[in-house]
Amino acid sequence: MADHDDFGAFFFGFLAGGIAGAVVALLFAPQSGEETRRMIKERAIDLQERASDTFEDALADAERATNDALRRAEMVYNEAKARVDAIANRKKVALDVLKEPAAKPKKVVKPAS
């Protein structure tokens, strides 16, 4: 969850920095309006490409994390199932041992009269 929060903060900072850079460039631009518009367009395209790359990287990281979590969950499930099966097997063996003497008829001893 912290990775998600870190990514959100990074992405917000990335966008804010891009916007701030564009504003500063506009305010201090020594070139004509046409040149400034061209430069803004180029920077917007660059910013869009970087944001897209960042998003794709984050998506790939999320996919890897999901696959890792699924693999770990499967391992925990298999281990728990093996333990439950072992306990059930021991219980069955213990019950079989307890039933053996009860299944054999006992000799009835008649008291001497």
N, C-alpha and C. Protein backbone atom coordinates (compact mmCIF):
# COMPACT_ATOMS: atom_id res chain seq x y z
N MET A 1 0.82 -1.19 0.00
CA MET A 1 0.00 0.00 0.00
C MET A 1 0.86 1.25 0.00
N ALA A 2 2.01 1.19 0.67
CA ALA A 2 2.90 2.34 0.72
C ALA A 2 3.47 2.62 -0.66
N ASP A 3 3.70 1.56 -1.46
CA ASP A 3 4.20 1.77 -2.82
C ASP A 3 3.21 2.56 -3.64
N HIS A 4 1.92 2.27 -3.44
CA HIS A 4 0.88 2.99 -4.15
C HIS A 4 0.89 4.46 -3.76
N ASP A 5 1.03 4.76 -2.48
CA ASP A 5 1.07 6.13 -2.00
C ASP A 5 2.32 6.84 -2.53
N ASP A 6 3.45 6.15 -2.55
CA ASP A 6 4.69 6.73 -3.07
C ASP A 6 4.55 7.05 -4.55
N PHE A 7 3.92 6.17 -5.30
CA PHE A 7 3.74 6.41 -6.73
C PHE A 7 2.82 7.61 -6.94
N GLY A 8 1.74 7.72 -6.17
CA GLY A 8 0.82 8.85 -6.30
C GLY A 8 1.53 10.17 -6.03
N ALA A 9 2.36 10.19 -5.00
CA ALA A 9 3.11 11.40 -4.67
C ALA A 9 4.11 11.72 -5.78
N PHE A 10 4.79 10.70 -6.29
CA PHE A 10 5.74 10.91 -7.38
C PHE A 10 5.04 11.45 -8.61
N PHE A 11 3.93 10.84 -8.99
CA PHE A 11 3.21 11.24 -10.19
C PHE A 11 2.69 12.67 -10.06
N PHE A 12 2.13 13.00 -8.88
CA PHE A 12 1.64 14.36 -8.65
C PHE A 12 2.81 15.35 -8.74
N GLY A 13 3.93 15.04 -8.14
CA GLY A 13 5.10 15.91 -8.21
C GLY A 13 5.61 16.05 -9.64
N PHE A 14 5.56 14.96 -10.38
CA PHE A 14 5.99 14.96 -11.77
C PHE A 14 5.12 15.93 -12.58
N LEU A 15 3.81 15.82 -12.43
CA LEU A 15 2.90 16.71 -13.17
C LEU A 15 3.05 18.16 -12.72
N ALA A 16 3.12 18.37 -11.41
CA ALA A 16 3.26 19.74 -10.90
C ALA A 16 4.56 20.36 -11.40
N GLY A 17 5.63 19.62 -11.42
CA GLY A 17 6.91 20.12 -11.92
C GLY A 17 6.84 20.47 -13.40
N GLY A 18 6.17 19.63 -14.16
CA GLY A 18 6.00 19.90 -15.59
C GLY A 18 5.21 21.17 -15.84
N ILE A 19 4.13 21.33 -15.09
CA ILE A 19 3.30 22.53 -15.24
C ILE A 19 4.08 23.77 -14.80
N ALA A 20 4.76 23.68 -13.67
CA ALA A 20 5.54 24.83 -13.19
C ALA A 20 6.63 25.20 -14.19
N GLY A 21 7.28 24.21 -14.76
CA GLY A 21 8.30 24.47 -15.77
C GLY A 21 7.74 25.17 -16.99
N ALA A 22 6.55 24.75 -17.41
CA ALA A 22 5.91 25.38 -18.57
C ALA A 22 5.56 26.84 -18.27
N VAL A 23 5.03 27.10 -17.07
CA VAL A 23 4.68 28.47 -16.69
C VAL A 23 5.92 29.36 -16.66
N VAL A 24 6.99 28.88 -16.05
CA VAL A 24 8.23 29.65 -15.99
C VAL A 24 8.77 29.91 -17.39
N ALA A 25 8.69 28.92 -18.26
CA ALA A 25 9.17 29.08 -19.63
C ALA A 25 8.37 30.16 -20.36
N LEU A 26 7.06 30.18 -20.13
CA LEU A 26 6.22 31.20 -20.76
C LEU A 26 6.56 32.60 -20.26
N LEU A 27 6.77 32.72 -18.96
CA LEU A 27 7.02 34.03 -18.37
C LEU A 27 8.36 34.62 -18.80
N PHE A 28 9.34 33.77 -18.96
CA PHE A 28 10.69 34.25 -19.27
C PHE A 28 11.12 33.96 -20.71
N ALA A 29 10.18 33.67 -21.57
CA ALA A 29 10.51 33.31 -22.95
C ALA A 29 10.92 34.55 -23.74
N PRO A 30 12.11 34.53 -24.33
CA PRO A 30 12.55 35.67 -25.12
C PRO A 30 12.08 35.58 -26.58
N GLN A 31 11.49 34.46 -26.96
CA GLN A 31 11.09 34.27 -28.35
C GLN A 31 9.68 34.79 -28.61
N SER A 32 9.28 34.75 -29.88
CA SER A 32 7.96 35.25 -30.29
C SER A 32 6.86 34.29 -29.82
N GLY A 33 5.64 34.75 -29.96
CA GLY A 33 4.49 33.93 -29.55
C GLY A 33 4.41 32.63 -30.31
N GLU A 34 4.70 32.67 -31.62
CA GLU A 34 4.65 31.46 -32.44
C GLU A 34 5.70 30.45 -31.98
N GLU A 35 6.89 30.94 -31.71
CA GLU A 35 7.95 30.05 -31.23
C GLU A 35 7.59 29.49 -29.85
N THR A 36 6.99 30.34 -29.01
CA THR A 36 6.59 29.89 -27.68
C THR A 36 5.52 28.80 -27.78
N ARG A 37 4.55 28.98 -28.68
CA ARG A 37 3.50 27.96 -28.85
C ARG A 37 4.09 26.64 -29.35
N ARG A 38 5.04 26.72 -30.26
CA ARG A 38 5.70 25.51 -30.77
C ARG A 38 6.44 24.81 -29.64
N MET A 39 7.16 25.61 -28.84
CA MET A 39 7.92 25.04 -27.73
C MET A 39 6.97 24.39 -26.71
N ILE A 40 5.84 25.06 -26.42
CA ILE A 40 4.85 24.50 -25.48
C ILE A 40 4.31 23.19 -26.02
N LYS A 41 4.02 23.16 -27.32
CA LYS A 41 3.49 21.93 -27.92
C LYS A 41 4.50 20.79 -27.80
N GLU A 42 5.77 21.10 -28.08
CA GLU A 42 6.81 20.07 -27.98
C GLU A 42 6.96 19.58 -26.54
N ARG A 43 6.93 20.50 -25.60
CA ARG A 43 7.06 20.10 -24.18
C ARG A 43 5.83 19.32 -23.72
N ALA A 44 4.67 19.70 -24.21
CA ALA A 44 3.45 18.97 -23.84
C ALA A 44 3.51 17.54 -24.37
N ILE A 45 4.00 17.38 -25.59
CA ILE A 45 4.14 16.04 -26.17
C ILE A 45 5.15 15.23 -25.36
N ASP A 46 6.27 15.87 -25.01
CA ASP A 46 7.29 15.19 -24.21
C ASP A 46 6.74 14.79 -22.84
N LEU A 47 6.01 15.71 -22.22
CA LEU A 47 5.41 15.42 -20.91
C LEU A 47 4.41 14.29 -21.01
N GLN A 48 3.61 14.28 -22.09
CA GLN A 48 2.65 13.21 -22.29
C GLN A 48 3.35 11.86 -22.45
N GLU A 49 4.43 11.84 -23.22
CA GLU A 49 5.19 10.60 -23.42
C GLU A 49 5.80 10.11 -22.11
N ARG A 50 6.37 11.04 -21.33
CA ARG A 50 6.96 10.63 -20.04
C ARG A 50 5.89 10.12 -19.08
N ALA A 51 4.73 10.79 -19.06
CA ALA A 51 3.64 10.34 -18.20
C ALA A 51 3.16 8.96 -18.63
N SER A 52 3.08 8.74 -19.93
CA SER A 52 2.67 7.44 -20.44
C SER A 52 3.69 6.36 -20.06
N ASP A 53 4.97 6.68 -20.19
CA ASP A 53 6.01 5.72 -19.80
C ASP A 53 5.95 5.41 -18.31
N THR A 54 5.74 6.45 -17.51
CA THR A 54 5.64 6.27 -16.06
C THR A 54 4.45 5.40 -15.72
N PHE A 55 3.33 5.64 -16.38
CA PHE A 55 2.13 4.84 -16.15
C PHE A 55 2.36 3.39 -16.53
N GLU A 56 2.98 3.17 -17.68
CA GLU A 56 3.26 1.80 -18.12
C GLU A 56 4.20 1.09 -17.16
N ASP A 57 5.20 1.81 -16.66
CA ASP A 57 6.12 1.22 -15.67
C ASP A 57 5.37 0.85 -14.39
N ALA A 58 4.51 1.76 -13.95
CA ALA A 58 3.73 1.49 -12.73
C ALA A 58 2.79 0.31 -12.94
N LEU A 59 2.20 0.22 -14.11
CA LEU A 59 1.31 -0.89 -14.41
C LEU A 59 2.08 -2.21 -14.41
N ALA A 60 3.28 -2.21 -14.99
CA ALA A 60 4.11 -3.42 -14.99
C ALA A 60 4.51 -3.80 -13.57
N ASP A 61 4.86 -2.81 -12.74
CA ASP A 61 5.21 -3.08 -11.34
C ASP A 61 4.02 -3.67 -10.60
N ALA A 62 2.84 -3.12 -10.84
CA ALA A 62 1.63 -3.63 -10.18
C ALA A 62 1.34 -5.06 -10.62
N GLU A 63 1.55 -5.34 -11.89
CA GLU A 63 1.33 -6.70 -12.39
C GLU A 63 2.30 -7.69 -11.75
N ARG A 64 3.57 -7.28 -11.66
CA ARG A 64 4.56 -8.15 -11.01
C ARG A 64 4.20 -8.38 -9.54
N ALA A 65 3.80 -7.33 -8.85
CA ALA A 65 3.43 -7.46 -7.44
C ALA A 65 2.22 -8.36 -7.27
N THR A 66 1.25 -8.23 -8.17
CA THR A 66 0.05 -9.08 -8.11
C THR A 66 0.42 -10.54 -8.33
N ASN A 67 1.23 -10.80 -9.34
CA ASN A 67 1.65 -12.18 -9.60
C ASN A 67 2.43 -12.76 -8.43
N ASP A 68 3.29 -11.95 -7.83
CA ASP A 68 4.06 -12.40 -6.68
C ASP A 68 3.13 -12.71 -5.51
N ALA A 69 2.16 -11.85 -5.27
CA ALA A 69 1.20 -12.07 -4.17
C ALA A 69 0.38 -13.34 -4.42
N LEU A 70 -0.04 -13.55 -5.66
CA LEU A 70 -0.80 -14.77 -5.98
C LEU A 70 0.05 -16.02 -5.77
N ARG A 71 1.31 -15.94 -6.17
CA ARG A 71 2.21 -17.10 -5.99
C ARG A 71 2.40 -17.40 -4.51
N ARG A 72 2.61 -16.35 -3.72
CA ARG A 72 2.79 -16.55 -2.27
C ARG A 72 1.51 -17.09 -1.64
N ALA A 73 0.37 -16.57 -2.04
CA ALA A 73 -0.90 -17.04 -1.49
C ALA A 73 -1.12 -18.52 -1.82
N GLU A 74 -0.75 -18.92 -3.04
CA GLU A 74 -0.88 -20.32 -3.43
C GLU A 74 0.05 -21.21 -2.59
N MET A 75 1.26 -20.73 -2.31
CA MET A 75 2.19 -21.49 -1.49
C MET A 75 1.63 -21.65 -0.06
N VAL A 76 1.09 -20.58 0.51
CA VAL A 76 0.53 -20.64 1.86
C VAL A 76 -0.67 -21.59 1.88
N TYR A 77 -1.52 -21.50 0.85
CA TYR A 77 -2.68 -22.39 0.76
C TYR A 77 -2.24 -23.85 0.70
N ASN A 78 -1.26 -24.15 -0.16
CA ASN A 78 -0.81 -25.54 -0.29
C ASN A 78 -0.20 -26.06 1.01
N GLU A 79 0.56 -25.20 1.69
CA GLU A 79 1.16 -25.61 2.97
C GLU A 79 0.07 -25.87 4.02
N ALA A 80 -0.91 -24.99 4.09
CA ALA A 80 -2.00 -25.16 5.05
C ALA A 80 -2.80 -26.43 4.73
N LYS A 81 -3.05 -26.66 3.45
CA LYS A 81 -3.79 -27.87 3.05
C LYS A 81 -3.02 -29.12 3.43
N ALA A 82 -1.71 -29.11 3.23
CA ALA A 82 -0.90 -30.27 3.59
C ALA A 82 -0.95 -30.52 5.10
N ARG A 83 -0.91 -29.45 5.89
CA ARG A 83 -0.97 -29.60 7.34
C ARG A 83 -2.33 -30.14 7.78
N VAL A 84 -3.41 -29.62 7.19
CA VAL A 84 -4.76 -30.10 7.52
C VAL A 84 -4.90 -31.57 7.14
N ASP A 85 -4.39 -31.94 5.96
CA ASP A 85 -4.45 -33.34 5.53
C ASP A 85 -3.67 -34.24 6.49
N ALA A 86 -2.51 -33.78 6.94
CA ALA A 86 -1.71 -34.58 7.88
C ALA A 86 -2.44 -34.75 9.21
N ILE A 87 -3.07 -33.68 9.69
CA ILE A 87 -3.82 -33.78 10.95
C ILE A 87 -5.02 -34.71 10.79
N ALA A 88 -5.72 -34.60 9.67
CA ALA A 88 -6.86 -35.48 9.41
C ALA A 88 -6.42 -36.94 9.34
N ASN A 89 -5.27 -37.19 8.74
CA ASN A 89 -4.75 -38.56 8.64
C ASN A 89 -4.40 -39.10 10.03
N ARG A 90 -3.75 -38.27 10.86
CA ARG A 90 -3.42 -38.71 12.22
C ARG A 90 -4.69 -39.00 13.02
N LYS A 91 -5.69 -38.17 12.83
CA LYS A 91 -6.96 -38.37 13.54
C LYS A 91 -7.60 -39.69 13.12
N LYS A 92 -7.56 -39.97 11.82
CA LYS A 92 -8.14 -41.23 11.32
C LYS A 92 -7.40 -42.43 11.90
N VAL A 93 -6.08 -42.36 11.91
CA VAL A 93 -5.28 -43.46 12.47
C VAL A 93 -5.59 -43.65 13.94
N ALA A 94 -5.68 -42.55 14.69
CA ALA A 94 -5.98 -42.64 16.12
C ALA A 94 -7.36 -43.24 16.35
N LEU A 95 -8.34 -42.84 15.54
CA LEU A 95 -9.69 -43.41 15.69
C LEU A 95 -9.70 -44.89 15.36
N ASP A 96 -8.96 -45.27 14.33
CA ASP A 96 -8.88 -46.69 13.97
C ASP A 96 -8.28 -47.50 15.11
N VAL A 97 -7.26 -46.97 15.75
CA VAL A 97 -6.62 -47.66 16.88
C VAL A 97 -7.61 -47.79 18.03
N LEU A 98 -8.36 -46.76 18.29
CA LEU A 98 -9.33 -46.80 19.40
C LEU A 98 -10.49 -47.75 19.11
N LYS A 99 -10.87 -47.89 17.85
CA LYS A 99 -12.01 -48.74 17.49
C LYS A 99 -11.65 -50.22 17.53
N GLU A 100 -10.37 -50.56 17.34
CA GLU A 100 -9.96 -51.97 17.29
C GLU A 100 -10.38 -52.74 18.54
N PRO A 101 -10.03 -52.33 19.72
CA PRO A 101 -10.42 -53.12 20.89
C PRO A 101 -11.94 -53.17 21.07
N ALA A 102 -12.63 -52.16 20.68
CA ALA A 102 -14.08 -52.14 20.85
C ALA A 102 -14.74 -53.10 19.87
N ALA A 103 -14.13 -53.38 18.76
CA ALA A 103 -14.73 -54.25 17.76
C ALA A 103 -14.59 -55.73 18.14
N LYS A 104 -13.60 -56.10 18.94
CA LYS A 104 -13.40 -57.49 19.34
C LYS A 104 -14.33 -57.81 20.51
N PRO A 105 -15.02 -58.94 20.41
CA PRO A 105 -15.90 -59.30 21.54
C PRO A 105 -15.06 -59.69 22.76
N LYS A 106 -15.53 -59.29 23.91
CA LYS A 106 -14.82 -59.60 25.15
C LYS A 106 -15.38 -60.92 25.71
N LYS A 107 -14.49 -61.63 26.37
CA LYS A 107 -14.93 -62.86 27.02
C LYS A 107 -15.70 -62.48 28.26
N VAL A 108 -16.80 -63.16 28.42
CA VAL A 108 -17.58 -62.92 29.61
C VAL A 108 -17.13 -63.91 30.67
N VAL A 109 -16.74 -63.40 31.78
CA VAL A 109 -16.27 -64.24 32.87
C VAL A 109 -17.45 -64.43 33.81
N LYS A 110 -17.78 -65.73 34.02
CA LYS A 110 -18.89 -66.03 34.93
C LYS A 110 -18.35 -66.14 36.34
N PRO A 111 -19.02 -65.51 37.24
CA PRO A 111 -18.57 -65.61 38.62
C PRO A 111 -18.76 -67.05 39.14
N ALA A 112 -17.91 -67.46 39.97
CA ALA A 112 -18.03 -68.82 40.55
C ALA A 112 -19.19 -68.83 41.53
N SER A 113 -20.07 -69.86 41.41
CA SER A 113 -21.19 -69.91 42.31
C SER A 113 -21.06 -70.96 43.35
